Amino acid sequence: MDVLSPREFEILRMLLAGRTTQEIAETLHITSKTVSNIHYLIKSKLGVNADIELVRFSLRQRLLDVADIGEAAGDSPWE
């Protein structure tokens, strides 16, 4: 597994927080196409194919807590 660059890790954290590609692009002053390309690169480096696998990977690596998932999406339907 390749190590993520600081920028890739920053974008990963924003994606895991539920931010859209457009929101990330505006925050970082880059294009949404660049965010999409980096999103793809992150998944490639981590060896995952889908966003759900990215969430699972982040949970296993303790980059994300289960409680964070409901907060990222707004109010959790499970509460």
PDB file of N, CA and C in Angstrom:
ATOM      1  N   MET A   1       0.848  -1.188   0.000  1.00  0.00           N
ATOM      2  CA  MET A   1       0.000   0.000   0.000  1.00  0.00           C
ATOM      3  C   MET A   1       0.882   1.235   0.000  1.00  0.00           C
ATOM      4  N   ASP A   2       0.594   2.175  -0.881  1.00  0.00           N
ATOM      5  CA  ASP A   2       1.310   3.440  -0.919  1.00  0.00           C
ATOM      6  C   ASP A   2       0.795   4.351   0.178  1.00  0.00           C
ATOM      7  N   VAL A   3       1.663   5.216   0.625  1.00  0.00           N
ATOM      8  CA  VAL A   3       1.286   6.173   1.662  1.00  0.00           C
ATOM      9  C   VAL A   3       0.630   7.380   0.993  1.00  0.00           C
ATOM     10  N   LEU A   4      -0.421   7.878   1.622  1.00  0.00           N
ATOM     11  CA  LEU A   4      -1.099   9.054   1.086  1.00  0.00           C
ATOM     12  C   LEU A   4      -0.283  10.309   1.376  1.00  0.00           C
ATOM     13  N   SER A   5      -0.313  11.233   0.434  1.00  0.00           N
ATOM     14  CA  SER A   5       0.321  12.531   0.647  1.00  0.00           C
ATOM     15  C   SER A   5      -0.546  13.317   1.636  1.00  0.00           C
ATOM     16  N   PRO A   6       0.000  14.376   2.225  1.00  0.00           N
ATOM     17  CA  PRO A   6      -0.822  15.189   3.141  1.00  0.00           C
ATOM     18  C   PRO A   6      -2.099  15.710   2.467  1.00  0.00           C
ATOM     19  N   ARG A   7      -2.019  16.112   1.199  1.00  0.00           N
ATOM     20  CA  ARG A   7      -3.192  16.624   0.484  1.00  0.00           C
ATOM     21  C   ARG A   7      -4.219  15.512   0.276  1.00  0.00           C
ATOM     22  N   GLU A   8      -3.747  14.329  -0.107  1.00  0.00           N
ATOM     23  CA  GLU A   8      -4.653  13.197  -0.288  1.00  0.00           C
ATOM     24  C   GLU A   8      -5.337  12.850   1.028  1.00  0.00           C
ATOM     25  N   PHE A   9      -4.573  12.861   2.107  1.00  0.00           N
ATOM     26  CA  PHE A   9      -5.161  12.549   3.410  1.00  0.00           C
ATOM     27  C   PHE A   9      -6.201  13.604   3.805  1.00  0.00           C
ATOM     28  N   GLU A  10      -5.912  14.858   3.509  1.00  0.00           N
ATOM     29  CA  GLU A  10      -6.861  15.937   3.800  1.00  0.00           C
ATOM     30  C   GLU A  10      -8.166  15.721   3.033  1.00  0.00           C
ATOM     31  N   ILE A  11      -8.052  15.356   1.768  1.00  0.00           N
ATOM     32  CA  ILE A  11      -9.244  15.107   0.952  1.00  0.00           C
ATOM     33  C   ILE A  11      -9.963  13.859   1.445  1.00  0.00           C
ATOM     34  N   LEU A  12      -9.227  12.835   1.819  1.00  0.00           N
ATOM     35  CA  LEU A  12      -9.852  11.636   2.389  1.00  0.00           C
ATOM     36  C   LEU A  12     -10.680  12.001   3.615  1.00  0.00           C
ATOM     37  N   ARG A  13     -10.125  12.776   4.516  1.00  0.00           N
ATOM     38  CA  ARG A  13     -10.856  13.175   5.726  1.00  0.00           C
ATOM     39  C   ARG A  13     -12.127  13.938   5.371  1.00  0.00           C
ATOM     40  N   MET A  14     -12.060  14.808   4.383  1.00  0.00           N
ATOM     41  CA  MET A  14     -13.241  15.567   3.963  1.00  0.00           C
ATOM     42  C   MET A  14     -14.295  14.642   3.346  1.00  0.00           C
ATOM     43  N   LEU A  15     -13.851  13.699   2.529  1.00  0.00           N
ATOM     44  CA  LEU A  15     -14.788  12.731   1.940  1.00  0.00           C
ATOM     45  C   LEU A  15     -15.473  11.919   3.031  1.00  0.00           C
ATOM     46  N   LEU A  16     -14.687  11.472   4.008  1.00  0.00           N
ATOM     47  CA  LEU A  16     -15.246  10.678   5.104  1.00  0.00           C
ATOM     48  C   LEU A  16     -16.196  11.494   5.970  1.00  0.00           C
ATOM     49  N   ALA A  17     -16.018  12.811   5.957  1.00  0.00           N
ATOM     50  CA  ALA A  17     -16.911  13.689   6.710  1.00  0.00           C
ATOM     51  C   ALA A  17     -18.201  13.983   5.945  1.00  0.00           C
ATOM     52  N   GLY A  18     -18.303  13.422   4.730  1.00  0.00           N
ATOM     53  CA  GLY A  18     -19.534  13.598   3.960  1.00  0.00           C
ATOM     54  C   GLY A  18     -19.553  14.828   3.074  1.00  0.00           C
ATOM     55  N   ARG A  19     -18.410  15.463   2.895  1.00  0.00           N
ATOM     56  CA  ARG A  19     -18.349  16.646   2.036  1.00  0.00           C
ATOM     57  C   ARG A  19     -18.424  16.219   0.572  1.00  0.00           C
ATOM     58  N   THR A  20     -19.080  17.007  -0.240  1.00  0.00           N
ATOM     59  CA  THR A  20     -19.190  16.706  -1.664  1.00  0.00           C
ATOM     60  C   THR A  20     -17.910  17.125  -2.383  1.00  0.00           C
ATOM     61  N   THR A  21     -17.763  16.615  -3.587  1.00  0.00           N
ATOM     62  CA  THR A  21     -16.604  16.980  -4.408  1.00  0.00           C
ATOM     63  C   THR A  21     -16.554  18.487  -4.605  1.00  0.00           C
ATOM     64  N   GLN A  22     -17.690  19.083  -4.867  1.00  0.00           N
ATOM     65  CA  GLN A  22     -17.756  20.538  -5.088  1.00  0.00           C
ATOM     66  C   GLN A  22     -17.386  21.299  -3.820  1.00  0.00           C
ATOM     67  N   GLU A  23     -17.871  20.860  -2.671  1.00  0.00           N
ATOM     68  CA  GLU A  23     -17.537  21.527  -1.400  1.00  0.00           C
ATOM     69  C   GLU A  23     -16.033  21.448  -1.131  1.00  0.00           C
ATOM     70  N   ILE A  24     -15.452  20.286  -1.375  1.00  0.00           N
ATOM     71  CA  ILE A  24     -14.009  20.113  -1.154  1.00  0.00           C
ATOM     72  C   ILE A  24     -13.234  21.026  -2.106  1.00  0.00           C
ATOM     73  N   ALA A  25     -13.651  21.053  -3.368  1.00  0.00           N
ATOM     74  CA  ALA A  25     -12.983  21.890  -4.362  1.00  0.00           C
ATOM     75  C   ALA A  25     -13.010  23.359  -3.949  1.00  0.00           C
ATOM     76  N   GLU A  26     -14.156  23.829  -3.510  1.00  0.00           N
ATOM     77  CA  GLU A  26     -14.280  25.229  -3.095  1.00  0.00           C
ATOM     78  C   GLU A  26     -13.426  25.521  -1.872  1.00  0.00           C
ATOM     79  N   THR A  27     -13.414  24.611  -0.915  1.00  0.00           N
ATOM     80  CA  THR A  27     -12.629  24.801   0.306  1.00  0.00           C
ATOM     81  C   THR A  27     -11.135  24.861   0.005  1.00  0.00           C
ATOM     82  N   LEU A  28     -10.681  23.980  -0.886  1.00  0.00           N
ATOM     83  CA  LEU A  28      -9.248  23.872  -1.169  1.00  0.00           C
ATOM     84  C   LEU A  28      -8.805  24.724  -2.369  1.00  0.00           C
ATOM     85  N   HIS A  29      -9.758  25.410  -2.998  1.00  0.00           N
ATOM     86  CA  HIS A  29      -9.470  26.268  -4.151  1.00  0.00           C
ATOM     87  C   HIS A  29      -8.830  25.476  -5.299  1.00  0.00           C
ATOM     88  N   ILE A  30      -9.447  24.337  -5.594  1.00  0.00           N
ATOM     89  CA  ILE A  30      -9.048  23.503  -6.723  1.00  0.00           C
ATOM     90  C   ILE A  30     -10.313  23.141  -7.482  1.00  0.00           C
ATOM     91  N   THR A  31     -10.176  22.526  -8.631  1.00  0.00           N
ATOM     92  CA  THR A  31     -11.364  22.163  -9.404  1.00  0.00           C
ATOM     93  C   THR A  31     -11.982  20.869  -8.873  1.00  0.00           C
ATOM     94  N   SER A  32     -13.243  20.696  -9.162  1.00  0.00           N
ATOM     95  CA  SER A  32     -13.906  19.460  -8.748  1.00  0.00           C
ATOM     96  C   SER A  32     -13.322  18.264  -9.502  1.00  0.00           C
ATOM     97  N   LYS A  33     -12.828  18.482 -10.721  1.00  0.00           N
ATOM     98  CA  LYS A  33     -12.174  17.420 -11.486  1.00  0.00           C
ATOM     99  C   LYS A  33     -10.901  16.961 -10.766  1.00  0.00           C
ATOM    100  N   THR A  34     -10.151  17.903 -10.202  1.00  0.00           N
ATOM    101  CA  THR A  34      -8.945  17.555  -9.441  1.00  0.00           C
ATOM    102  C   THR A  34      -9.317  16.737  -8.214  1.00  0.00           C
ATOM    103  N   VAL A  35     -10.377  17.127  -7.535  1.00  0.00           N
ATOM    104  CA  VAL A  35     -10.835  16.374  -6.358  1.00  0.00           C
ATOM    105  C   VAL A  35     -11.220  14.955  -6.779  1.00  0.00           C
ATOM    106  N   SER A  36     -11.932  14.829  -7.881  1.00  0.00           N
ATOM    107  CA  SER A  36     -12.329  13.501  -8.372  1.00  0.00           C
ATOM    108  C   SER A  36     -11.112  12.649  -8.708  1.00  0.00           C
ATOM    109  N   ASN A  37     -10.118  13.264  -9.339  1.00  0.00           N
ATOM    110  CA  ASN A  37      -8.902  12.530  -9.682  1.00  0.00           C
ATOM    111  C   ASN A  37      -8.162  12.068  -8.427  1.00  0.00           C
ATOM    112  N   ILE A  38      -8.079  12.936  -7.433  1.00  0.00           N
ATOM    113  CA  ILE A  38      -7.408  12.578  -6.185  1.00  0.00           C
ATOM    114  C   ILE A  38      -8.197  11.500  -5.446  1.00  0.00           C
ATOM    115  N   HIS A  39      -9.522  11.580  -5.479  1.00  0.00           N
ATOM    116  CA  HIS A  39     -10.390  10.565  -4.873  1.00  0.00           C
ATOM    117  C   HIS A  39     -10.078   9.199  -5.487  1.00  0.00           C
ATOM    118  N   TYR A  40      -9.978   9.161  -6.810  1.00  0.00           N
ATOM    119  CA  TYR A  40      -9.644   7.917  -7.508  1.00  0.00           C
ATOM    120  C   TYR A  40      -8.254   7.428  -7.090  1.00  0.00           C
ATOM    121  N   LEU A  41      -7.289   8.342  -7.027  1.00  0.00           N
ATOM    122  CA  LEU A  41      -5.924   7.993  -6.652  1.00  0.00           C
ATOM    123  C   LEU A  41      -5.868   7.435  -5.230  1.00  0.00           C
ATOM    124  N   ILE A  42      -6.628   8.032  -4.315  1.00  0.00           N
ATOM    125  CA  ILE A  42      -6.689   7.555  -2.927  1.00  0.00           C
ATOM    126  C   ILE A  42      -7.169   6.105  -2.902  1.00  0.00           C
ATOM    127  N   LYS A  43      -8.268   5.842  -3.614  1.00  0.00           N
ATOM    128  CA  LYS A  43      -8.800   4.476  -3.651  1.00  0.00           C
ATOM    129  C   LYS A  43      -7.792   3.505  -4.254  1.00  0.00           C
ATOM    130  N   SER A  44      -7.092   3.939  -5.292  1.00  0.00           N
ATOM    131  CA  SER A  44      -6.070   3.081  -5.908  1.00  0.00           C
ATOM    132  C   SER A  44      -4.945   2.779  -4.927  1.00  0.00           C
ATOM    133  N   LYS A  45      -4.450   3.801  -4.256  1.00  0.00           N
ATOM    134  CA  LYS A  45      -3.354   3.619  -3.311  1.00  0.00           C
ATOM    135  C   LYS A  45      -3.748   2.713  -2.148  1.00  0.00           C
ATOM    136  N   LEU A  46      -5.000   2.818  -1.717  1.00  0.00           N
ATOM    137  CA  LEU A  46      -5.456   2.026  -0.577  1.00  0.00           C
ATOM    138  C   LEU A  46      -5.975   0.644  -0.999  1.00  0.00           C
ATOM    139  N   GLY A  47      -6.057   0.411  -2.288  1.00  0.00           N
ATOM    140  CA  GLY A  47      -6.477  -0.895  -2.782  1.00  0.00           C
ATOM    141  C   GLY A  47      -7.957  -1.168  -2.623  1.00  0.00           C
ATOM    142  N   VAL A  48      -8.773  -0.117  -2.733  1.00  0.00           N
ATOM    143  CA  VAL A  48     -10.225  -0.297  -2.642  1.00  0.00           C
ATOM    144  C   VAL A  48     -10.861   0.164  -3.947  1.00  0.00           C
ATOM    145  N   ASN A  49     -12.046  -0.373  -4.230  1.00  0.00           N
ATOM    146  CA  ASN A  49     -12.739  -0.046  -5.481  1.00  0.00           C
ATOM    147  C   ASN A  49     -13.943   0.868  -5.299  1.00  0.00           C
ATOM    148  N   ALA A  50     -14.524   0.848  -4.123  1.00  0.00           N
ATOM    149  CA  ALA A  50     -15.763   1.604  -3.897  1.00  0.00           C
ATOM    150  C   ALA A  50     -15.651   2.427  -2.617  1.00  0.00           C
ATOM    151  N   ASP A  51     -16.505   3.434  -2.525  1.00  0.00           N
ATOM    152  CA  ASP A  51     -16.485   4.301  -1.346  1.00  0.00           C
ATOM    153  C   ASP A  51     -16.810   3.553  -0.060  1.00  0.00           C
ATOM    154  N   ILE A  52     -17.683   2.554  -0.133  1.00  0.00           N
ATOM    155  CA  ILE A  52     -18.000   1.789   1.073  1.00  0.00           C
ATOM    156  C   ILE A  52     -16.761   1.054   1.567  1.00  0.00           C
ATOM    157  N   GLU A  53     -15.939   0.580   0.640  1.00  0.00           N
ATOM    158  CA  GLU A  53     -14.682  -0.059   1.036  1.00  0.00           C
ATOM    159  C   GLU A  53     -13.735   0.963   1.666  1.00  0.00           C
ATOM    160  N   LEU A  54     -13.796   2.185   1.189  1.00  0.00           N
ATOM    161  CA  LEU A  54     -12.984   3.265   1.758  1.00  0.00           C
ATOM    162  C   LEU A  54     -13.409   3.536   3.201  1.00  0.00           C
ATOM    163  N   VAL A  55     -14.705   3.503   3.452  1.00  0.00           N
ATOM    164  CA  VAL A  55     -15.214   3.678   4.817  1.00  0.00           C
ATOM    165  C   VAL A  55     -14.768   2.511   5.697  1.00  0.00           C
ATOM    166  N   ARG A  56     -14.921   1.299   5.197  1.00  0.00           N
ATOM    167  CA  ARG A  56     -14.489   0.119   5.972  1.00  0.00           C
ATOM    168  C   ARG A  56     -12.998   0.188   6.295  1.00  0.00           C
ATOM    169  N   PHE A  57     -12.190   0.542   5.298  1.00  0.00           N
ATOM    170  CA  PHE A  57     -10.744   0.681   5.507  1.00  0.00           C
ATOM    171  C   PHE A  57     -10.475   1.715   6.601  1.00  0.00           C
ATOM    172  N   SER A  58     -11.158   2.842   6.534  1.00  0.00           N
ATOM    173  CA  SER A  58     -10.960   3.920   7.502  1.00  0.00           C
ATOM    174  C   SER A  58     -11.381   3.507   8.905  1.00  0.00           C
ATOM    175  N   LEU A  59     -12.425   2.701   9.002  1.00  0.00           N
ATOM    176  CA  LEU A  59     -12.848   2.184  10.300  1.00  0.00           C
ATOM    177  C   LEU A  59     -11.792   1.239  10.866  1.00  0.00           C
ATOM    178  N   ARG A  60     -11.277   0.349  10.016  1.00  0.00           N
ATOM    179  CA  ARG A  60     -10.245  -0.599  10.460  1.00  0.00           C
ATOM    180  C   ARG A  60      -8.967   0.112  10.898  1.00  0.00           C
ATOM    181  N   GLN A  61      -8.632   1.193  10.214  1.00  0.00           N
ATOM    182  CA  GLN A  61      -7.407   1.932  10.530  1.00  0.00           C
ATOM    183  C   GLN A  61      -7.628   2.980  11.618  1.00  0.00           C
ATOM    184  N   ARG A  62      -8.846   3.021  12.126  1.00  0.00           N
ATOM    185  CA  ARG A  62      -9.229   3.973  13.168  1.00  0.00           C
ATOM    186  C   ARG A  62      -9.079   5.434  12.725  1.00  0.00           C
ATOM    187  N   LEU A  63      -9.303   5.675  11.442  1.00  0.00           N
ATOM    188  CA  LEU A  63      -9.342   7.036  10.924  1.00  0.00           C
ATOM    189  C   LEU A  63     -10.736   7.617  11.090  1.00  0.00           C
ATOM    190  N   LEU A  64     -11.683   6.722  11.337  1.00  0.00           N
ATOM    191  CA  LEU A  64     -13.085   7.068  11.424  1.00  0.00           C
ATOM    192  C   LEU A  64     -13.712   6.225  12.515  1.00  0.00           C
ATOM    193  N   ASP A  65     -14.614   6.834  13.257  1.00  0.00           N
ATOM    194  CA  ASP A  65     -15.346   6.122  14.293  1.00  0.00           C
ATOM    195  C   ASP A  65     -16.779   5.922  13.802  1.00  0.00           C
ATOM    196  N   VAL A  66     -17.393   4.844  14.204  1.00  0.00           N
ATOM    197  CA  VAL A  66     -18.771   4.566  13.778  1.00  0.00           C
ATOM    198  C   VAL A  66     -19.684   5.743  14.105  1.00  0.00           C
ATOM    199  N   ALA A  67     -19.467   6.391  15.228  1.00  0.00           N
ATOM    200  CA  ALA A  67     -20.291   7.536  15.617  1.00  0.00           C
ATOM    201  C   ALA A  67     -20.149   8.684  14.625  1.00  0.00           C
ATOM    202  N   ASP A  68     -19.001   8.787  13.962  1.00  0.00           N
ATOM    203  CA  ASP A  68     -18.773   9.861  12.995  1.00  0.00           C
ATOM    204  C   ASP A  68     -19.646   9.715  11.756  1.00  0.00           C
ATOM    205  N   ILE A  69     -20.032   8.508  11.433  1.00  0.00           N
ATOM    206  CA  ILE A  69     -20.790   8.263  10.211  1.00  0.00           C
ATOM    207  C   ILE A  69     -22.137   8.967  10.265  1.00  0.00           C
ATOM    208  N   GLY A  70     -22.847   8.866  11.357  1.00  0.00           N
ATOM    209  CA  GLY A  70     -24.126   9.550  11.502  1.00  0.00           C
ATOM    210  C   GLY A  70     -23.978  11.051  11.504  1.00  0.00           C
ATOM    211  N   GLU A  71     -22.899  11.544  12.125  1.00  0.00           N
ATOM    212  CA  GLU A  71     -22.667  12.983  12.175  1.00  0.00           C
ATOM    213  C   GLU A  71     -22.355  13.531  10.794  1.00  0.00           C
ATOM    214  N   ALA A  72     -21.617  12.778   9.992  1.00  0.00           N
ATOM    215  CA  ALA A  72     -21.240  13.242   8.666  1.00  0.00           C
ATOM    216  C   ALA A  72     -22.454  13.384   7.767  1.00  0.00           C
ATOM    217  N   ALA A  73     -23.405  12.490   7.915  1.00  0.00           N
ATOM    218  CA  ALA A  73     -24.584  12.492   7.055  1.00  0.00           C
ATOM    219  C   ALA A  73     -25.737  13.319   7.626  1.00  0.00           C
ATOM    220  N   GLY A  74     -25.544  13.932   8.762  1.00  0.00           N
ATOM    221  CA  GLY A  74     -26.617  14.658   9.414  1.00  0.00           C
ATOM    222  C   GLY A  74     -27.202  13.792  10.517  1.00  0.00           C
ATOM    223  N   ASP A  75     -28.455  13.947  10.769  1.00  0.00           N
ATOM    224  CA  ASP A  75     -29.095  13.138  11.813  1.00  0.00           C
ATOM    225  C   ASP A  75     -29.156  11.679  11.375  1.00  0.00           C
ATOM    226  N   SER A  76     -28.784  10.807  12.264  1.00  0.00           N
ATOM    227  CA  SER A  76     -28.791   9.377  11.970  1.00  0.00           C
ATOM    228  C   SER A  76     -30.214   8.825  12.077  1.00  0.00           C
ATOM    229  N   PRO A  77     -30.651   8.019  11.123  1.00  0.00           N
ATOM    230  CA  PRO A  77     -31.991   7.416  11.207  1.00  0.00           C
ATOM    231  C   PRO A  77     -32.046   6.326  12.272  1.00  0.00           C
ATOM    232  N   TRP A  78     -30.899   5.935  12.818  1.00  0.00           N
ATOM    233  CA  TRP A  78     -30.844   4.843  13.776  1.00  0.00           C
ATOM    234  C   TRP A  78     -31.029   5.303  15.206  1.00  0.00           C
ATOM    235  N   GLU A  79     -31.090   6.596  15.416  1.00  0.00           N
ATOM    236  CA  GLU A  79     -31.224   7.092  16.801  1.00  0.00           C
ATOM    237  C   GLU A  79     -32.654   7.431  17.120  1.00  0.00           C
TER     238      GLU A  79
END
